[in-house]
C-alpha atoms as a PDB file:
ATOM      1  CA  MET A   1     -23.196  21.744 161.766  1.00  0.00           C
ATOM      2  CA  LEU A   2     -21.388  21.010 158.612  1.00  0.00           C
ATOM      3  CA  GLU A   3     -18.516  19.818 160.359  1.00  0.00           C
ATOM      4  CA  PHE A   4     -18.457  16.103 160.099  1.00  0.00           C
ATOM      5  CA  ASP A   5     -16.131  13.708 161.477  1.00  0.00           C
ATOM      6  CA  ALA A   6     -16.249  10.072 160.177  1.00  0.00           C
ATOM      7  CA  ALA A   7     -13.867   8.516 162.240  1.00  0.00           C
ATOM      8  CA  ARG A   8     -15.159   5.816 164.110  1.00  0.00           C
ATOM      9  CA  VAL A   9     -13.440   5.923 167.803  1.00  0.00           C
ATOM     10  CA  ALA A  10     -13.152   9.159 169.611  1.00  0.00           C
ATOM     11  CA  ILE A  11     -10.877  10.350 172.212  1.00  0.00           C
ATOM     12  CA  ILE A  12     -13.522   9.169 175.060  1.00  0.00           C
ATOM     13  CA  GLU A  13     -14.830   5.709 173.588  1.00  0.00           C
ATOM     14  CA  PRO A  14     -17.991   4.407 175.728  1.00  0.00           C
ATOM     15  CA  SER A  15     -16.447   0.693 174.502  1.00  0.00           C
ATOM     16  CA  ARG A  16     -13.309   1.617 175.832  1.00  0.00           C
ATOM     17  CA  ILE A  17     -13.963   2.882 179.431  1.00  0.00           C
ATOM     18  CA  ILE A  18     -17.358   1.094 180.145  1.00  0.00           C
ATOM     19  CA  GLU A  19     -17.233  -2.485 180.882  1.00  0.00           C
ATOM     20  CA  PRO A  20     -19.919  -4.824 179.308  1.00  0.00           C
ATOM     21  CA  ILE A  21     -22.147  -6.361 181.960  1.00  0.00           C
ATOM     22  CA  ASP A  22     -24.772  -9.242 181.617  1.00  0.00           C
ATOM     23  CA  ILE A  23     -27.841  -7.414 180.477  1.00  0.00           C
ATOM     24  CA  ALA A  24     -30.501  -8.096 178.076  1.00  0.00           C
ATOM     25  CA  GLU A  25     -30.117  -7.244 174.439  1.00  0.00           C
ATOM     26  CA  HIS A  26     -33.557  -5.875 174.159  1.00  0.00           C
ATOM     27  CA  CYS A  27     -34.201  -2.233 175.928  1.00  0.00           C
ATOM     28  CA  VAL A  28     -37.069   0.065 176.308  1.00  0.00           C
ATOM     29  CA  LEU A  29     -35.772   3.963 176.601  1.00  0.00           C
ATOM     30  CA  CYS A  30     -38.769   4.839 178.534  1.00  0.00           C
ATOM     31  CA  PHE A  31     -39.536   9.076 179.553  1.00  0.00           C
ATOM     32  CA  PHE A  32     -42.296   8.127 181.479  1.00  0.00           C
ATOM     33  CA  GLN A  33     -40.084   7.817 185.271  1.00  0.00           C
ATOM     34  CA  GLU A  34     -43.623   7.127 187.231  1.00  0.00           C
ATOM     35  CA  VAL A  35     -44.199   4.329 184.840  1.00  0.00           C
ATOM     36  CA  ILE A  36     -40.568   2.867 185.694  1.00  0.00           C
ATOM     37  CA  ALA A  37     -41.074   3.834 189.252  1.00  0.00           C
ATOM     38  CA  GLU A  38     -44.383   1.527 189.362  1.00  0.00           C
ATOM     39  CA  LEU A  39     -42.274  -1.405 187.618  1.00  0.00           C
ATOM     40  CA  VAL A  40     -39.970  -0.923 190.532  1.00  0.00           C
ATOM     41  CA  ARG A  41     -42.692  -0.883 193.350  1.00  0.00           C
ATOM     42  CA  GLU A  42     -44.493  -3.999 191.855  1.00  0.00           C
ATOM     43  CA  GLY A  43     -41.058  -5.975 191.924  1.00  0.00           C
ATOM     44  CA  ALA A  44     -41.112  -6.355 187.975  1.00  0.00           C
ATOM     45  CA  CYS A  45     -37.711  -4.623 187.785  1.00  0.00           C
ATOM     46  CA  ALA A  46     -36.428  -7.660 189.290  1.00  0.00           C
ATOM     47  CA  ARG A  47     -32.647  -6.607 188.846  1.00  0.00           C
ATOM     48  CA  HIS A  48     -30.903  -3.007 189.219  1.00  0.00           C
ATOM     49  CA  LEU A  49     -28.266  -3.827 186.949  1.00  0.00           C
ATOM     50  CA  HIS A  50     -26.470  -0.544 186.816  1.00  0.00           C
ATOM     51  CA  THR A  51     -26.204   3.040 187.993  1.00  0.00           C
ATOM     52  CA  GLY A  52     -25.470   5.661 185.370  1.00  0.00           C
ATOM     53  CA  GLN A  53     -24.004   9.043 186.736  1.00  0.00           C
ATOM     54  CA  SER A  54     -23.588  12.203 185.883  1.00  0.00           C
ATOM     55  CA  GLU A  55     -23.964  16.178 186.961  1.00  0.00           C
ATOM     56  CA  VAL A  56     -27.294  16.349 187.647  1.00  0.00           C
ATOM     57  CA  GLY A  57     -28.069  12.527 189.388  1.00  0.00           C
ATOM     58  CA  ASP A  58     -27.550   9.300 189.177  1.00  0.00           C
ATOM     59  CA  TYR A  59     -29.915   7.065 186.860  1.00  0.00           C
ATOM     60  CA  PRO A  60     -30.762   3.544 187.109  1.00  0.00           C
ATOM     61  CA  VAL A  61     -30.351   1.297 184.509  1.00  0.00           C
ATOM     62  CA  TYR A  62     -33.045  -2.079 185.258  1.00  0.00           C
ATOM     63  CA  GLU A  63     -34.064  -5.381 184.018  1.00  0.00           C
ATOM     64  CA  LEU A  64     -37.139  -6.835 184.029  1.00  0.00           C
ATOM     65  CA  ASP A  65     -38.742 -10.753 183.505  1.00  0.00           C
ATOM     66  CA  TYR A  66     -41.640  -9.386 180.505  1.00  0.00           C
ATOM     67  CA  GLY A  67     -43.309 -12.556 179.654  1.00  0.00           C
ATOM     68  CA  GLY A  68     -40.350 -14.740 180.292  1.00  0.00           C
ATOM     69  CA  ARG A  69     -37.939 -12.608 178.371  1.00  0.00           C
ATOM     70  CA  ARG A  70     -35.140  -9.950 179.961  1.00  0.00           C
ATOM     71  CA  LEU A  71     -35.899  -6.614 179.084  1.00  0.00           C
ATOM     72  CA  ALA A  72     -33.753  -3.711 180.020  1.00  0.00           C
ATOM     73  CA  VAL A  73     -35.492  -0.252 180.976  1.00  0.00           C
ATOM     74  CA  VAL A  74     -34.053   2.916 181.028  1.00  0.00           C
ATOM     75  CA  HIS A  75     -34.659   6.704 181.359  1.00  0.00           C
ATOM     76  CA  PRO A  76     -32.862   8.238 178.681  1.00  0.00           C
ATOM     77  CA  GLY A  77     -33.193  11.712 180.315  1.00  0.00           C
ATOM     78  CA  VAL A  78     -34.280  14.901 178.488  1.00  0.00           C
ATOM     79  CA  GLY A  79     -33.300  16.490 175.296  1.00  0.00           C
ATOM     80  CA  ALA A  80     -30.943  15.318 172.808  1.00  0.00           C
ATOM     81  CA  PRO A  81     -27.230  15.694 174.028  1.00  0.00           C
ATOM     82  CA  ALA A  82     -28.156  13.863 177.969  1.00  0.00           C
ATOM     83  CA  ALA A  83     -30.485  11.134 175.723  1.00  0.00           C
ATOM     84  CA  VAL A  84     -27.377  10.169 173.404  1.00  0.00           C
ATOM     85  CA  ALA A  85     -24.727   9.890 176.510  1.00  0.00           C
ATOM     86  CA  ARG A  86     -27.295   7.731 178.433  1.00  0.00           C
ATOM     87  CA  PHE A  87     -27.964   5.557 174.857  1.00  0.00           C
ATOM     88  CA  GLU A  88     -24.151   5.409 174.287  1.00  0.00           C
ATOM     89  CA  ARG A  89     -23.214   4.346 177.829  1.00  0.00           C
ATOM     90  CA  VAL A  90     -26.436   1.737 177.462  1.00  0.00           C
ATOM     91  CA  ILE A  91     -25.178   0.215 174.123  1.00  0.00           C
ATOM     92  CA  ALA A  92     -21.751  -0.094 175.879  1.00  0.00           C
ATOM     93  CA  LEU A  93     -23.490  -2.415 178.518  1.00  0.00           C
ATOM     94  CA  GLY A  94     -24.307  -4.564 176.080  1.00  0.00           C
ATOM     95  CA  CYS A  95     -27.880  -3.864 174.703  1.00  0.00           C
ATOM     96  CA  HIS A  96     -28.251  -3.934 170.778  1.00  0.00           C
ATOM     97  CA  LYS A  97     -32.315  -3.660 170.008  1.00  0.00           C
ATOM     98  CA  PHE A  98     -34.057  -0.340 171.279  1.00  0.00           C
ATOM     99  CA  ILE A  99     -37.339   0.939 171.378  1.00  0.00           C
ATOM    100  CA  VAL A 100     -38.403   4.451 172.800  1.00  0.00           C
ATOM    101  CA  CYS A 101     -41.439   5.433 174.085  1.00  0.00           C
ATOM    102  CA  GLY A 102     -42.132   9.058 175.039  1.00  0.00           C
ATOM    103  CA  GLY A 103     -44.814  11.885 173.826  1.00  0.00           C
ATOM    104  CA  ALA A 104     -44.222  14.475 171.853  1.00  0.00           C
ATOM    105  CA  GLY A 105     -45.882  17.987 170.943  1.00  0.00           C
ATOM    106  CA  VAL A 106     -48.264  18.212 167.877  1.00  0.00           C
ATOM    107  CA  LEU A 107     -48.261  20.186 164.912  1.00  0.00           C
ATOM    108  CA  ASP A 108     -51.391  18.881 163.182  1.00  0.00           C
ATOM    109  CA  GLY A 109     -54.280  19.873 165.418  1.00  0.00           C
ATOM    110  CA  THR A 110     -56.260  16.477 164.256  1.00  0.00           C
ATOM    111  CA  ILE A 111     -54.186  14.497 166.653  1.00  0.00           C
ATOM    112  CA  ASN A 112     -55.521  14.093 169.918  1.00  0.00           C
ATOM    113  CA  VAL A 113     -54.143  14.124 173.135  1.00  0.00           C
ATOM    114  CA  GLY A 114     -53.101  10.144 173.436  1.00  0.00           C
ATOM    115  CA  ASP A 115     -53.285   9.498 169.733  1.00  0.00           C
ATOM    116  CA  ILE A 116     -50.515   6.957 169.028  1.00  0.00           C
ATOM    117  CA  VAL A 117     -47.675   8.578 166.619  1.00  0.00           C
ATOM    118  CA  VAL A 118     -44.969   6.648 165.169  1.00  0.00           C
ATOM    119  CA  PRO A 119     -42.133   8.440 163.598  1.00  0.00           C
ATOM    120  CA  SER A 120     -40.952   7.640 159.988  1.00  0.00           C
ATOM    121  CA  SER A 121     -38.035  10.079 160.012  1.00  0.00           C
ATOM    122  CA  ALA A 122     -36.946  13.133 162.154  1.00  0.00           C
ATOM    123  CA  ILE A 123     -35.752  16.584 160.601  1.00  0.00           C
ATOM    124  CA  ARG A 124     -32.351  17.271 162.182  1.00  0.00           C
ATOM    125  CA  ASP A 125     -32.691  20.518 163.933  1.00  0.00           C
ATOM    126  CA  GLU A 126     -30.643  19.523 167.216  1.00  0.00           C
ATOM    127  CA  GLY A 127     -26.890  19.253 167.318  1.00  0.00           C
ATOM    128  CA  ALA A 128     -25.960  15.741 168.642  1.00  0.00           C
ATOM    129  CA  SER A 129     -27.109  13.918 165.214  1.00  0.00           C
ATOM    130  CA  HIS A 130     -24.469  15.567 163.089  1.00  0.00           C
ATOM    131  CA  HIS A 131     -21.923  14.301 165.255  1.00  0.00           C
ATOM    132  CA  TYR A 132     -22.758  10.534 164.150  1.00  0.00           C
ATOM    133  CA  LEU A 133     -23.748  10.776 160.433  1.00  0.00           C
ATOM    134  CA  LYS A 134     -23.084  13.267 157.723  1.00  0.00           C
ATOM    135  CA  PRO A 135     -25.114  16.536 157.034  1.00  0.00           C
ATOM    136  CA  ALA A 136     -28.926  15.575 155.680  1.00  0.00           C
ATOM    137  CA  ARG A 137     -32.213  17.179 156.594  1.00  0.00           C
ATOM    138  CA  GLU A 138     -33.490  14.121 158.009  1.00  0.00           C
ATOM    139  CA  VAL A 139     -32.843  10.541 159.445  1.00  0.00           C
ATOM    140  CA  ALA A 140     -35.004   7.259 159.428  1.00  0.00           C
ATOM    141  CA  PRO A 141     -35.336   4.760 162.519  1.00  0.00           C
ATOM    142  CA  THR A 142     -33.955   1.407 161.376  1.00  0.00           C
ATOM    143  CA  ARG A 143     -36.660  -0.524 159.287  1.00  0.00           C
ATOM    144  CA  ARG A 144     -36.701  -4.018 161.405  1.00  0.00           C
ATOM    145  CA  ALA A 145     -36.998  -1.663 164.577  1.00  0.00           C
ATOM    146  CA  LEU A 146     -40.053   0.195 162.497  1.00  0.00           C
ATOM    147  CA  ALA A 147     -41.533  -2.857 161.707  1.00  0.00           C
ATOM    148  CA  ALA A 148     -41.785  -4.114 165.020  1.00  0.00           C
ATOM    149  CA  ILE A 149     -43.794  -1.568 166.305  1.00  0.00           C
ATOM    150  CA  GLU A 150     -46.201  -1.354 163.587  1.00  0.00           C
ATOM    151  CA  ALA A 151     -46.743  -4.940 163.508  1.00  0.00           C
ATOM    152  CA  VAL A 152     -47.537  -4.677 167.301  1.00  0.00           C
ATOM    153  CA  LEU A 153     -50.018  -2.228 167.029  1.00  0.00           C
ATOM    154  CA  SER A 154     -51.695  -3.955 163.994  1.00  0.00           C
ATOM    155  CA  GLU A 155     -51.900  -7.173 166.289  1.00  0.00           C
ATOM    156  CA  ASN A 156     -53.408  -4.751 169.332  1.00  0.00           C
ATOM    157  CA  HIS A 157     -55.824  -3.366 167.158  1.00  0.00           C
ATOM    158  CA  HIS A 158     -54.203   0.221 167.954  1.00  0.00           C
ATOM    159  CA  ASP A 159     -54.689   2.995 165.189  1.00  0.00           C
ATOM    160  CA  TYR A 160     -51.911   4.694 164.831  1.00  0.00           C
ATOM    161  CA  ILE A 161     -50.188   8.117 162.828  1.00  0.00           C
ATOM    162  CA  ARG A 162     -47.064   7.532 160.858  1.00  0.00           C
ATOM    163  CA  GLY A 163     -45.277  11.039 160.341  1.00  0.00           C
ATOM    164  CA  LYS A 164     -42.419  12.819 160.438  1.00  0.00           C
ATOM    165  CA  THR A 165     -41.295  14.493 163.670  1.00  0.00           C
ATOM    166  CA  TRP A 166     -39.426  17.761 164.026  1.00  0.00           C
ATOM    167  CA  THR A 167     -36.541  17.348 166.311  1.00  0.00           C
ATOM    168  CA  THR A 168     -35.287  20.488 168.133  1.00  0.00           C
ATOM    169  CA  ASP A 169     -33.086  21.338 171.019  1.00  0.00           C
ATOM    170  CA  ALA A 170     -34.680  24.640 171.882  1.00  0.00           C
ATOM    171  CA  VAL A 171     -38.031  24.052 173.393  1.00  0.00           C
ATOM    172  CA  TYR A 172     -38.528  27.960 173.623  1.00  0.00           C
ATOM    173  CA  ARG A 173     -37.633  28.659 170.242  1.00  0.00           C
ATOM    174  CA  GLU A 174     -40.216  26.682 168.900  1.00  0.00           C
ATOM    175  CA  THR A 175     -41.827  29.859 166.988  1.00  0.00           C
ATOM    176  CA  ARG A 176     -44.922  30.044 164.563  1.00  0.00           C
ATOM    177  CA  GLN A 177     -42.951  30.470 161.052  1.00  0.00           C
ATOM    178  CA  ARG A 178     -40.488  27.414 162.154  1.00  0.00           C
ATOM    179  CA  VAL A 179     -43.689  25.231 163.126  1.00  0.00           C
ATOM    180  CA  LYS A 180     -45.686  26.594 159.624  1.00  0.00           C
ATOM    181  CA  ARG A 181     -42.301  25.971 158.036  1.00  0.00           C
ATOM    182  CA  ARG A 182     -41.979  22.017 159.805  1.00  0.00           C
ATOM    183  CA  ARG A 183     -45.741  21.433 158.476  1.00  0.00           C
ATOM    184  CA  ARG A 184     -45.187  22.041 154.956  1.00  0.00           C
ATOM    185  CA  GLU A 185     -42.276  19.827 155.425  1.00  0.00           C
ATOM    186  CA  GLY A 186     -44.484  16.986 156.533  1.00  0.00           C
ATOM    187  CA  CYS A 187     -43.906  16.947 160.192  1.00  0.00           C
ATOM    188  CA  VAL A 188     -46.992  16.152 162.491  1.00  0.00           C
ATOM    189  CA  VAL A 189     -45.252  16.578 165.942  1.00  0.00           C
ATOM    190  CA  VAL A 190     -42.020  17.858 167.363  1.00  0.00           C
ATOM    191  CA  ASP A 191     -39.667  16.056 169.974  1.00  0.00           C
ATOM    192  CA  MET A 192     -36.018  16.484 171.282  1.00  0.00           C
ATOM    193  CA  GLU A 193     -34.545  13.209 170.655  1.00  0.00           C
ATOM    194  CA  ALA A 194     -35.790  11.365 167.875  1.00  0.00           C
ATOM    195  CA  ALA A 195     -32.952  12.167 165.261  1.00  0.00           C
ATOM    196  CA  ALA A 196     -30.375  12.135 167.820  1.00  0.00           C
ATOM    197  CA  PHE A 197     -31.389   8.654 168.447  1.00  0.00           C
ATOM    198  CA  PHE A 198     -31.814   7.431 165.182  1.00  0.00           C
ATOM    199  CA  ALA A 199     -28.157   8.850 163.820  1.00  0.00           C
ATOM    200  CA  VAL A 200     -26.603   7.140 167.086  1.00  0.00           C
ATOM    201  CA  ALA A 201     -28.388   3.582 166.007  1.00  0.00           C
ATOM    202  CA  ARG A 202     -27.040   3.868 162.379  1.00  0.00           C
ATOM    203  CA  PHE A 203     -23.753   4.953 163.377  1.00  0.00           C
ATOM    204  CA  ARG A 204     -22.918   2.156 166.426  1.00  0.00           C
ATOM    205  CA  ARG A 205     -25.352  -0.315 164.048  1.00  0.00           C
ATOM    206  CA  VAL A 206     -28.087  -1.202 166.623  1.00  0.00           C
ATOM    207  CA  GLU A 207     -31.820  -1.272 166.130  1.00  0.00           C
ATOM    208  CA  CYS A 208     -33.624   1.548 167.324  1.00  0.00           C
ATOM    209  CA  ALA A 209     -37.192   3.035 166.613  1.00  0.00           C
ATOM    210  CA  GLN A 210     -39.766   5.250 168.538  1.00  0.00           C
ATOM    211  CA  ILE A 211     -43.363   5.449 169.191  1.00  0.00           C
ATOM    212  CA  LEU A 212     -44.920   8.814 170.867  1.00  0.00           C
ATOM    213  CA  TYR A 213     -48.252   9.878 171.913  1.00  0.00           C
ATOM    214  CA  GLY A 214     -49.849  13.339 171.050  1.00  0.00           C
ATOM    215  CA  GLY A 215     -49.247  15.401 174.052  1.00  0.00           C
ATOM    216  CA  ASP A 216     -49.614  19.348 173.855  1.00  0.00           C
ATOM    217  CA  SER A 217     -50.654  21.379 171.454  1.00  0.00           C
ATOM    218  CA  LEU A 218     -48.786  24.049 168.763  1.00  0.00           C
ATOM    219  CA  ALA A 219     -51.109  23.967 166.308  1.00  0.00           C
ATOM    220  CA  GLY A 220     -53.291  26.563 167.315  1.00  0.00           C
ATOM    221  CA  ARG A 221     -52.911  30.461 167.546  1.00  0.00           C
ATOM    222  CA  ARG A 222     -51.601  29.828 171.491  1.00  0.00           C
ATOM    223  CA  TRP A 223     -49.688  27.048 172.812  1.00  0.00           C
ATOM    224  CA  ASP A 224     -52.039  24.231 174.333  1.00  0.00           C
ATOM    225  CA  PRO A 225     -50.848  21.817 176.875  1.00  0.00           C
ATOM    226  CA  ARG A 226     -53.903  19.718 176.917  1.00  0.00           C
ATOM    227  CA  GLY A 227     -53.340  18.362 180.126  1.00  0.00           C
ATOM    228  CA  TRP A 228     -51.413  15.460 178.296  1.00  0.00           C
ATOM    229  CA  ASN A 229     -49.262  13.699 181.172  1.00  0.00           C
ATOM    230  CA  ARG A 230     -51.789  11.118 181.879  1.00  0.00           C
ATOM    231  CA  HIS A 231     -50.894   7.618 183.457  1.00  0.00           C
ATOM    232  CA  ALA A 232     -52.977   5.293 181.246  1.00  0.00           C
ATOM    233  CA  MET A 233     -51.933   6.120 178.257  1.00  0.00           C
ATOM    234  CA  ARG A 234     -48.184   6.027 178.761  1.00  0.00           C
ATOM    235  CA  GLU A 235     -48.248   2.827 180.936  1.00  0.00           C
ATOM    236  CA  ARG A 236     -50.210   1.600 177.698  1.00  0.00           C
ATOM    237  CA  LEU A 237     -47.543   2.957 175.487  1.00  0.00           C
ATOM    238  CA  PHE A 238     -44.580   1.487 177.342  1.00  0.00           C
ATOM    239  CA  HIS A 239     -46.135  -2.070 177.413  1.00  0.00           C
ATOM    240  CA  LEU A 240     -46.636  -1.517 173.475  1.00  0.00           C
ATOM    241  CA  ALA A 241     -42.730  -0.330 172.968  1.00  0.00           C
ATOM    242  CA  ALA A 242     -41.769  -3.427 175.394  1.00  0.00           C
ATOM    243  CA  GLN A 243     -43.843  -5.928 172.563  1.00  0.00           C
ATOM    244  CA  ALA A 244     -42.334  -4.250 169.745  1.00  0.00           C
ATOM    245  CA  CYS A 245     -38.863  -4.574 171.255  1.00  0.00           C
ATOM    246  CA  LEU A 246     -38.927  -8.137 171.870  1.00  0.00           C
ATOM    247  CA  ARG A 247     -39.810  -8.807 168.294  1.00  0.00           C
ATOM    248  CA  LEU A 248     -36.520  -7.530 167.701  1.00  0.00           C
END
């Protein structure tokens, strides 16, 4: 992870192999597949603009009319490598302003299921971010995108926790000692993509921040799933993300 190459152009450069399309500049990267599916069923996703392809299956890029404004929506995939590949593709298609909405494991036992968490920075304990930025312990979201999320939450009278997230590639290697170490470093949640999103955004000079909700818990002696896949809160988070995105 210490071998950083600052070259701006790669052999497989997205802008050279992906043709831009007529697409909204604003995009929500939404981890909630059922929320996207409901938007499609209801006809809110008026346009299926593009289909990305991968060995694990195709993924659609939608555009919806959100309060009279164009907004792209795509599921970014799970894990930093997959998420970065899709993020790069959507940037190359023509989106430049992003808000990510998803869930996270909690490291702080006072965070309840459904509590909103806004990452102020992410510990880079994954691999993808190190291909986009020089080695450093943390990476932050872009300021404008972070401010947009906080403004929308305040205007909608939503309490939230602003804190650090631990981004890891290895969901099955979240050991007790690592959790303790990350808590000492100030992490309140753990995720698998935030650091990579923030690093790519800085490298590509696009706007990006993330809004999460408290899910399963790693704060106790045992892992507690806490029944965290609850549709209502995930739908609410998407709409908050959409509002924040359209502020950019």
